[in-house]
Amino acid sequence: MKVKTKYIWDYDTKRIDLNNREVLKWYLSRQVNTGQWREIDKNLLQKHLSELDIDSTLKKMFQKYYADKRTK
């Protein structure tokens, strides 16, 4: 996955290692919190959703969305 830099002004994006699990969770949280969640691989977001540091309302919305998709 390529790092999107639009809302990352406080880190050197060339040094962001998305293979590091903690960095990946931080990056996904940052993308969701800044409204850039559409740019995230949906499977990756779903896989790590429970671990992300995001607003609880957003987390519930995504959990419901993915639960509804599984039932269809």
PDB file of N, CA and C in Angstrom:
ATOM      1  N   MET A   1       0.844  -1.171   0.000  1.00  0.00           N
ATOM      2  CA  MET A   1       0.000   0.000   0.000  1.00  0.00           C
ATOM      3  C   MET A   1       0.894   1.240   0.000  1.00  0.00           C
ATOM      4  N   LYS A   2       0.525   2.188  -0.815  1.00  0.00           N
ATOM      5  CA  LYS A   2       1.286   3.424  -0.890  1.00  0.00           C
ATOM      6  C   LYS A   2       0.774   4.416   0.159  1.00  0.00           C
ATOM      7  N   VAL A   3       1.694   5.091   0.823  1.00  0.00           N
ATOM      8  CA  VAL A   3       1.335   6.072   1.838  1.00  0.00           C
ATOM      9  C   VAL A   3       0.801   7.328   1.158  1.00  0.00           C
ATOM     10  N   LYS A   4      -0.403   7.722   1.541  1.00  0.00           N
ATOM     11  CA  LYS A   4      -0.990   8.972   1.060  1.00  0.00           C
ATOM     12  C   LYS A   4      -0.525  10.074   2.001  1.00  0.00           C
ATOM     13  N   THR A   5      -0.018  11.150   1.456  1.00  0.00           N
ATOM     14  CA  THR A   5       0.650  12.160   2.287  1.00  0.00           C
ATOM     15  C   THR A   5      -0.170  13.419   2.537  1.00  0.00           C
ATOM     16  N   LYS A   6      -1.368  13.496   2.013  1.00  0.00           N
ATOM     17  CA  LYS A   6      -2.148  14.724   2.093  1.00  0.00           C
ATOM     18  C   LYS A   6      -2.323  15.228   3.530  1.00  0.00           C
ATOM     19  N   TYR A   7      -2.606  14.353   4.474  1.00  0.00           N
ATOM     20  CA  TYR A   7      -2.855  14.764   5.849  1.00  0.00           C
ATOM     21  C   TYR A   7      -1.753  14.325   6.812  1.00  0.00           C
ATOM     22  N   ILE A   8      -0.588  14.049   6.283  1.00  0.00           N
ATOM     23  CA  ILE A   8       0.541  13.694   7.146  1.00  0.00           C
ATOM     24  C   ILE A   8       1.620  14.741   6.946  1.00  0.00           C
ATOM     25  N   TRP A   9       1.577  15.739   7.760  1.00  0.00           N
ATOM     26  CA  TRP A   9       2.519  16.851   7.665  1.00  0.00           C
ATOM     27  C   TRP A   9       3.574  16.793   8.758  1.00  0.00           C
ATOM     28  N   ASP A  10       3.346  15.966   9.748  1.00  0.00           N
ATOM     29  CA  ASP A  10       4.213  15.963  10.924  1.00  0.00           C
ATOM     30  C   ASP A  10       5.170  14.765  10.979  1.00  0.00           C
ATOM     31  N   TYR A  11       5.229  13.996   9.908  1.00  0.00           N
ATOM     32  CA  TYR A  11       6.147  12.863   9.844  1.00  0.00           C
ATOM     33  C   TYR A  11       6.807  12.825   8.475  1.00  0.00           C
ATOM     34  N   ASP A  12       7.990  12.272   8.432  1.00  0.00           N
ATOM     35  CA  ASP A  12       8.682  12.069   7.166  1.00  0.00           C
ATOM     36  C   ASP A  12       8.048  10.849   6.502  1.00  0.00           C
ATOM     37  N   THR A  13       7.236  11.081   5.494  1.00  0.00           N
ATOM     38  CA  THR A  13       6.478   9.995   4.877  1.00  0.00           C
ATOM     39  C   THR A  13       7.363   8.984   4.161  1.00  0.00           C
ATOM     40  N   LYS A  14       8.578   9.354   3.843  1.00  0.00           N
ATOM     41  CA  LYS A  14       9.500   8.399   3.210  1.00  0.00           C
ATOM     42  C   LYS A  14       9.965   7.330   4.192  1.00  0.00           C
ATOM     43  N   ARG A  15       9.811   7.621   5.474  1.00  0.00           N
ATOM     44  CA  ARG A  15      10.284   6.687   6.500  1.00  0.00           C
ATOM     45  C   ARG A  15       9.155   5.901   7.162  1.00  0.00           C
ATOM     46  N   ILE A  16       7.933   6.084   6.697  1.00  0.00           N
ATOM     47  CA  ILE A  16       6.805   5.360   7.281  1.00  0.00           C
ATOM     48  C   ILE A  16       6.832   3.918   6.784  1.00  0.00           C
ATOM     49  N   ASP A  17       6.931   2.991   7.722  1.00  0.00           N
ATOM     50  CA  ASP A  17       7.008   1.562   7.399  1.00  0.00           C
ATOM     51  C   ASP A  17       5.670   0.905   7.710  1.00  0.00           C
ATOM     52  N   LEU A  18       4.844   0.713   6.688  1.00  0.00           N
ATOM     53  CA  LEU A  18       3.524   0.126   6.897  1.00  0.00           C
ATOM     54  C   LEU A  18       3.589  -1.378   7.163  1.00  0.00           C
ATOM     55  N   ASN A  19       4.763  -1.962   7.094  1.00  0.00           N
ATOM     56  CA  ASN A  19       4.925  -3.367   7.478  1.00  0.00           C
ATOM     57  C   ASN A  19       4.992  -3.513   8.994  1.00  0.00           C
ATOM     58  N   ASN A  20       5.265  -2.420   9.684  1.00  0.00           N
ATOM     59  CA  ASN A  20       5.253  -2.400  11.140  1.00  0.00           C
ATOM     60  C   ASN A  20       3.800  -2.270  11.586  1.00  0.00           C
ATOM     61  N   ARG A  21       3.317  -3.246  12.347  1.00  0.00           N
ATOM     62  CA  ARG A  21       1.896  -3.292  12.739  1.00  0.00           C
ATOM     63  C   ARG A  21       1.438  -2.020  13.461  1.00  0.00           C
ATOM     64  N   GLU A  22       2.233  -1.508  14.379  1.00  0.00           N
ATOM     65  CA  GLU A  22       1.846  -0.303  15.118  1.00  0.00           C
ATOM     66  C   GLU A  22       1.775   0.914  14.202  1.00  0.00           C
ATOM     67  N   VAL A  23       2.709   1.018  13.282  1.00  0.00           N
ATOM     68  CA  VAL A  23       2.712   2.123  12.323  1.00  0.00           C
ATOM     69  C   VAL A  23       1.496   2.014  11.409  1.00  0.00           C
ATOM     70  N   LEU A  24       1.188   0.808  10.978  1.00  0.00           N
ATOM     71  CA  LEU A  24       0.029   0.587  10.127  1.00  0.00           C
ATOM     72  C   LEU A  24      -1.259   1.006  10.839  1.00  0.00           C
ATOM     73  N   LYS A  25      -1.413   0.621  12.104  1.00  0.00           N
ATOM     74  CA  LYS A  25      -2.607   1.014  12.867  1.00  0.00           C
ATOM     75  C   LYS A  25      -2.684   2.529  13.004  1.00  0.00           C
ATOM     76  N   TRP A  26      -1.531   3.168  13.266  1.00  0.00           N
ATOM     77  CA  TRP A  26      -1.503   4.626  13.351  1.00  0.00           C
ATOM     78  C   TRP A  26      -1.928   5.243  12.015  1.00  0.00           C
ATOM     79  N   TYR A  27      -1.385   4.736  10.927  1.00  0.00           N
ATOM     80  CA  TYR A  27      -1.679   5.269   9.600  1.00  0.00           C
ATOM     81  C   TYR A  27      -3.163   5.105   9.258  1.00  0.00           C
ATOM     82  N   LEU A  28      -3.709   3.921   9.499  1.00  0.00           N
ATOM     83  CA  LEU A  28      -5.122   3.690   9.208  1.00  0.00           C
ATOM     84  C   LEU A  28      -6.008   4.598  10.060  1.00  0.00           C
ATOM     85  N   SER A  29      -5.664   4.738  11.328  1.00  0.00           N
ATOM     86  CA  SER A  29      -6.414   5.635  12.210  1.00  0.00           C
ATOM     87  C   SER A  29      -6.359   7.062  11.698  1.00  0.00           C
ATOM     88  N   ARG A  30      -5.202   7.482  11.279  1.00  0.00           N
ATOM     89  CA  ARG A  30      -5.021   8.842  10.766  1.00  0.00           C
ATOM     90  C   ARG A  30      -5.868   9.066   9.521  1.00  0.00           C
ATOM     91  N   GLN A  31      -5.870   8.089   8.633  1.00  0.00           N
ATOM     92  CA  GLN A  31      -6.651   8.209   7.406  1.00  0.00           C
ATOM     93  C   GLN A  31      -8.150   8.289   7.713  1.00  0.00           C
ATOM     94  N   VAL A  32      -8.627   7.457   8.612  1.00  0.00           N
ATOM     95  CA  VAL A  32     -10.045   7.477   8.968  1.00  0.00           C
ATOM     96  C   VAL A  32     -10.394   8.792   9.662  1.00  0.00           C
ATOM     97  N   ASN A  33      -9.582   9.206  10.605  1.00  0.00           N
ATOM     98  CA  ASN A  33      -9.867  10.425  11.363  1.00  0.00           C
ATOM     99  C   ASN A  33      -9.843  11.686  10.513  1.00  0.00           C
ATOM    100  N   THR A  34      -9.130  11.666   9.410  1.00  0.00           N
ATOM    101  CA  THR A  34      -9.080  12.845   8.544  1.00  0.00           C
ATOM    102  C   THR A  34     -10.041  12.724   7.366  1.00  0.00           C
ATOM    103  N   GLY A  35     -10.868  11.690   7.378  1.00  0.00           N
ATOM    104  CA  GLY A  35     -11.872  11.529   6.339  1.00  0.00           C
ATOM    105  C   GLY A  35     -11.364  10.903   5.063  1.00  0.00           C
ATOM    106  N   GLN A  36     -10.189  10.325   5.096  1.00  0.00           N
ATOM    107  CA  GLN A  36      -9.598   9.718   3.906  1.00  0.00           C
ATOM    108  C   GLN A  36      -9.788   8.205   3.865  1.00  0.00           C
ATOM    109  N   TRP A  37     -10.795   7.695   4.544  1.00  0.00           N
ATOM    110  CA  TRP A  37     -10.984   6.252   4.645  1.00  0.00           C
ATOM    111  C   TRP A  37     -11.315   5.600   3.307  1.00  0.00           C
ATOM    112  N   ARG A  38     -11.830   6.336   2.366  1.00  0.00           N
ATOM    113  CA  ARG A  38     -12.148   5.738   1.065  1.00  0.00           C
ATOM    114  C   ARG A  38     -10.892   5.309   0.307  1.00  0.00           C
ATOM    115  N   GLU A  39      -9.770   5.876   0.665  1.00  0.00           N
ATOM    116  CA  GLU A  39      -8.503   5.544   0.004  1.00  0.00           C
ATOM    117  C   GLU A  39      -7.838   4.304   0.595  1.00  0.00           C
ATOM    118  N   ILE A  40      -8.395   3.775   1.674  1.00  0.00           N
ATOM    119  CA  ILE A  40      -7.822   2.618   2.354  1.00  0.00           C
ATOM    120  C   ILE A  40      -8.405   1.338   1.755  1.00  0.00           C
ATOM    121  N   ASP A  41      -7.568   0.333   1.613  1.00  0.00           N
ATOM    122  CA  ASP A  41      -8.032  -0.982   1.197  1.00  0.00           C
ATOM    123  C   ASP A  41      -9.079  -1.448   2.212  1.00  0.00           C
ATOM    124  N   LYS A  42     -10.265  -1.765   1.731  1.00  0.00           N
ATOM    125  CA  LYS A  42     -11.385  -2.108   2.622  1.00  0.00           C
ATOM    126  C   LYS A  42     -11.104  -3.350   3.466  1.00  0.00           C
ATOM    127  N   ASN A  43     -10.424  -4.341   2.899  1.00  0.00           N
ATOM    128  CA  ASN A  43     -10.093  -5.543   3.670  1.00  0.00           C
ATOM    129  C   ASN A  43      -9.121  -5.223   4.796  1.00  0.00           C
ATOM    130  N   LEU A  44      -8.193  -4.347   4.524  1.00  0.00           N
ATOM    131  CA  LEU A  44      -7.223  -3.941   5.539  1.00  0.00           C
ATOM    132  C   LEU A  44      -7.909  -3.171   6.660  1.00  0.00           C
ATOM    133  N   LEU A  45      -8.800  -2.279   6.292  1.00  0.00           N
ATOM    134  CA  LEU A  45      -9.550  -1.509   7.294  1.00  0.00           C
ATOM    135  C   LEU A  45     -10.390  -2.446   8.154  1.00  0.00           C
ATOM    136  N   GLN A  46     -11.078  -3.362   7.529  1.00  0.00           N
ATOM    137  CA  GLN A  46     -11.913  -4.299   8.271  1.00  0.00           C
ATOM    138  C   GLN A  46     -11.077  -5.167   9.211  1.00  0.00           C
ATOM    139  N   LYS A  47      -9.947  -5.617   8.738  1.00  0.00           N
ATOM    140  CA  LYS A  47      -9.075  -6.484   9.533  1.00  0.00           C
ATOM    141  C   LYS A  47      -8.581  -5.799  10.807  1.00  0.00           C
ATOM    142  N   HIS A  48      -8.249  -4.517  10.717  1.00  0.00           N
ATOM    143  CA  HIS A  48      -7.644  -3.814  11.847  1.00  0.00           C
ATOM    144  C   HIS A  48      -8.605  -2.877  12.571  1.00  0.00           C
ATOM    145  N   LEU A  49      -9.862  -2.847  12.178  1.00  0.00           N
ATOM    146  CA  LEU A  49     -10.818  -1.883  12.712  1.00  0.00           C
ATOM    147  C   LEU A  49     -10.898  -1.894  14.236  1.00  0.00           C
ATOM    148  N   SER A  50     -10.954  -3.051  14.835  1.00  0.00           N
ATOM    149  CA  SER A  50     -11.114  -3.124  16.296  1.00  0.00           C
ATOM    150  C   SER A  50      -9.925  -2.537  17.040  1.00  0.00           C
ATOM    151  N   GLU A  51      -8.784  -2.453  16.389  1.00  0.00           N
ATOM    152  CA  GLU A  51      -7.563  -1.960  17.034  1.00  0.00           C
ATOM    153  C   GLU A  51      -7.289  -0.473  16.795  1.00  0.00           C
ATOM    154  N   LEU A  52      -8.077   0.154  15.938  1.00  0.00           N
ATOM    155  CA  LEU A  52      -7.778   1.531  15.547  1.00  0.00           C
ATOM    156  C   LEU A  52      -8.212   2.537  16.604  1.00  0.00           C
ATOM    157  N   ASP A  53      -7.443   3.600  16.701  1.00  0.00           N
ATOM    158  CA  ASP A  53      -7.729   4.693  17.618  1.00  0.00           C
ATOM    159  C   ASP A  53      -8.549   5.747  16.862  1.00  0.00           C
ATOM    160  N   ILE A  54      -9.844   5.455  16.735  1.00  0.00           N
ATOM    161  CA  ILE A  54     -10.740   6.362  16.025  1.00  0.00           C
ATOM    162  C   ILE A  54     -11.965   6.618  16.895  1.00  0.00           C
ATOM    163  N   ASP A  55     -12.730   7.610  16.519  1.00  0.00           N
ATOM    164  CA  ASP A  55     -13.944   7.964  17.236  1.00  0.00           C
ATOM    165  C   ASP A  55     -14.851   6.732  17.350  1.00  0.00           C
ATOM    166  N   SER A  56     -15.423   6.516  18.518  1.00  0.00           N
ATOM    167  CA  SER A  56     -16.231   5.319  18.746  1.00  0.00           C
ATOM    168  C   SER A  56     -17.457   5.264  17.831  1.00  0.00           C
ATOM    169  N   THR A  57     -18.011   6.415  17.495  1.00  0.00           N
ATOM    170  CA  THR A  57     -19.157   6.438  16.589  1.00  0.00           C
ATOM    171  C   THR A  57     -18.748   5.965  15.193  1.00  0.00           C
ATOM    172  N   LEU A  58     -17.597   6.420  14.730  1.00  0.00           N
ATOM    173  CA  LEU A  58     -17.081   5.970  13.433  1.00  0.00           C
ATOM    174  C   LEU A  58     -16.816   4.470  13.453  1.00  0.00           C
ATOM    175  N   LYS A  59     -16.227   4.011  14.536  1.00  0.00           N
ATOM    176  CA  LYS A  59     -15.910   2.586  14.641  1.00  0.00           C
ATOM    177  C   LYS A  59     -17.186   1.755  14.566  1.00  0.00           C
ATOM    178  N   LYS A  60     -18.235   2.176  15.282  1.00  0.00           N
ATOM    179  CA  LYS A  60     -19.508   1.458  15.251  1.00  0.00           C
ATOM    180  C   LYS A  60     -20.113   1.491  13.852  1.00  0.00           C
ATOM    181  N   MET A  61     -19.996   2.628  13.176  1.00  0.00           N
ATOM    182  CA  MET A  61     -20.529   2.750  11.828  1.00  0.00           C
ATOM    183  C   MET A  61     -19.851   1.751  10.896  1.00  0.00           C
ATOM    184  N   PHE A  62     -18.527   1.691  10.952  1.00  0.00           N
ATOM    185  CA  PHE A  62     -17.793   0.752  10.105  1.00  0.00           C
ATOM    186  C   PHE A  62     -18.101  -0.693  10.468  1.00  0.00           C
ATOM    187  N   GLN A  63     -18.200  -0.984  11.756  1.00  0.00           N
ATOM    188  CA  GLN A  63     -18.522  -2.348  12.178  1.00  0.00           C
ATOM    189  C   GLN A  63     -19.891  -2.762  11.649  1.00  0.00           C
ATOM    190  N   LYS A  64     -20.860  -1.871  11.725  1.00  0.00           N
ATOM    191  CA  LYS A  64     -22.195  -2.159  11.199  1.00  0.00           C
ATOM    192  C   LYS A  64     -22.135  -2.341   9.686  1.00  0.00           C
ATOM    193  N   TYR A  65     -21.401  -1.489   9.013  1.00  0.00           N
ATOM    194  CA  TYR A  65     -21.272  -1.577   7.564  1.00  0.00           C
ATOM    195  C   TYR A  65     -20.712  -2.942   7.149  1.00  0.00           C
ATOM    196  N   TYR A  66     -19.630  -3.361   7.798  1.00  0.00           N
ATOM    197  CA  TYR A  66     -19.016  -4.639   7.440  1.00  0.00           C
ATOM    198  C   TYR A  66     -19.890  -5.816   7.848  1.00  0.00           C
ATOM    199  N   ALA A  67     -20.624  -5.705   8.954  1.00  0.00           N
ATOM    200  CA  ALA A  67     -21.536  -6.767   9.370  1.00  0.00           C
ATOM    201  C   ALA A  67     -22.671  -6.908   8.362  1.00  0.00           C
ATOM    202  N   ASP A  68     -23.195  -5.780   7.897  1.00  0.00           N
ATOM    203  CA  ASP A  68     -24.273  -5.803   6.902  1.00  0.00           C
ATOM    204  C   ASP A  68     -23.793  -6.404   5.589  1.00  0.00           C
ATOM    205  N   LYS A  69     -22.560  -6.115   5.198  1.00  0.00           N
ATOM    206  CA  LYS A  69     -22.021  -6.650   3.945  1.00  0.00           C
ATOM    207  C   LYS A  69     -21.873  -8.172   4.017  1.00  0.00           C
ATOM    208  N   ARG A  70     -21.574  -8.701   5.192  1.00  0.00           N
ATOM    209  CA  ARG A  70     -21.414 -10.147   5.350  1.00  0.00           C
ATOM    210  C   ARG A  70     -22.745 -10.880   5.240  1.00  0.00           C
ATOM    211  N   THR A  71     -23.836 -10.203   5.593  1.00  0.00           N
ATOM    212  CA  THR A  71     -25.137 -10.853   5.561  1.00  0.00           C
ATOM    213  C   THR A  71     -25.792 -10.785   4.183  1.00  0.00           C
ATOM    214  N   LYS A  72     -25.218 -10.050   3.281  1.00  0.00           N
ATOM    215  CA  LYS A  72     -25.787  -9.926   1.930  1.00  0.00           C
ATOM    216  C   LYS A  72     -25.180 -10.914   0.977  1.00  0.00           C
TER     217      LYS A  72
END
